[in-house]
Amino acid sequence: MEKIGKEFFSLHLKKYEAAGTYYNVIIFMLLYRLHLTHSLVSPNKQKR
């Protein structure tokens, strides 16, 4: 089961890498999460 899963994952990874969307999605998600946490944290600090 694990071997099949890894092969399936690597196939899809190659497809996304070719399109260049895989890394863009990860970077976007990370930046978006950082932006959300920053916007949530900074107002709390300002109130104190």
Protein backbone atom coordinates (compact mmCIF):
# COMPACT_ATOMS: atom_id res chain seq x y z
CA MET A 1 0.00 0.00 0.00
CA GLU A 2 2.75 2.48 0.96
CA LYS A 3 4.71 1.88 -2.24
CA ILE A 4 1.62 2.46 -4.40
CA GLY A 5 0.82 5.62 -2.45
CA LYS A 6 4.34 6.99 -2.88
CA GLU A 7 4.33 6.27 -6.62
CA PHE A 8 0.91 7.92 -6.99
CA PHE A 9 2.10 10.96 -5.01
CA SER A 10 5.35 11.30 -7.00
CA LEU A 11 3.40 11.14 -10.28
CA HIS A 12 1.16 13.99 -9.18
CA LEU A 13 4.18 15.90 -7.82
CA LYS A 14 5.82 15.75 -11.26
CA LYS A 15 2.64 17.04 -12.88
CA TYR A 16 2.41 19.98 -10.47
CA GLU A 17 6.14 20.75 -10.76
CA ALA A 18 5.81 20.88 -14.54
CA ALA A 19 2.97 23.38 -14.21
CA GLY A 20 4.83 25.24 -11.45
CA THR A 21 1.68 25.42 -9.35
CA TYR A 22 2.69 23.05 -6.54
CA TYR A 23 5.29 25.39 -5.06
CA ASN A 24 3.16 28.46 -5.72
CA VAL A 25 0.28 26.93 -3.74
CA ILE A 26 2.51 26.04 -0.78
CA ILE A 27 4.16 29.48 -0.75
CA PHE A 28 0.79 31.18 -1.05
CA MET A 29 -0.67 29.15 1.81
CA LEU A 30 2.33 29.87 4.04
CA LEU A 31 2.27 33.60 3.27
CA TYR A 32 -1.51 33.70 3.78
CA ARG A 33 -1.25 31.94 7.15
CA LEU A 34 1.56 34.29 8.21
CA HIS A 35 -0.53 37.28 7.15
CA LEU A 36 -3.57 36.01 9.06
CA THR A 37 -1.62 35.28 12.24
CA HIS A 38 0.19 38.63 12.01
CA SER A 39 -3.04 40.59 11.52
CA LEU A 40 -4.61 38.71 14.44
CA VAL A 41 -1.64 39.18 16.78
CA SER A 42 -0.68 42.80 16.07
CA PRO A 43 -4.01 44.42 17.10
CA ASN A 44 -3.86 42.54 20.42
CA LYS A 45 -0.40 43.96 21.10
CA GLN A 46 -1.55 47.48 20.23
CA LYS A 47 -4.50 47.28 22.66
CA ARG A 48 -2.17 46.30 25.50
